[in-house]
């Protein structure tokens, strides 16, 4: 039962991707959901497939980004996204496996890429931007995000909005 609750919480957080994008648009940091993600993700500008992914594609999990395979050890590609201390690098280098906008692929790398784009567009950490634009206006209490290493990248697909070092 505890596993189901933890999974449900993580899924609920992931479902807020459109709200995160909408908040960045409302703040004037991003002109439109149809903006190319590569506008903010220079790492994707020269990639013929990734350069066509829009921010909406990432929010809707239709960017064609692979769902890294998970295994029963911490160094499986999916688990390594979380545990290596190189979250941004691994997320942005996750391969494309389908053209953008064509199919739904649940991928934490898509959520993470969207969060990185929002950070770069707003000039704020993901945690600070989401806290100020969504969480605090809703009356949310104390909350945290998990970082891939102290001072590092926030995992955009786990609960909370205030930075906390990954232990």
Foldseek 3Di string as FASTA:
>chain_A
DVVVVQVVQLVVLLLCLVVLVVLLCVVVLDVDQCAQLCVQVVVCCPPPQNRNAGNVLLSQQQSQFAAQDDDPDCPRLNNCCQAVLCVLVSLSPGDGHDHGPDDHDDHLSSSQSSQSSSCRSVVHASLVSCCVRPQVVVVHDAFEFEANAVVHHTSSSHTGRHYDYHD
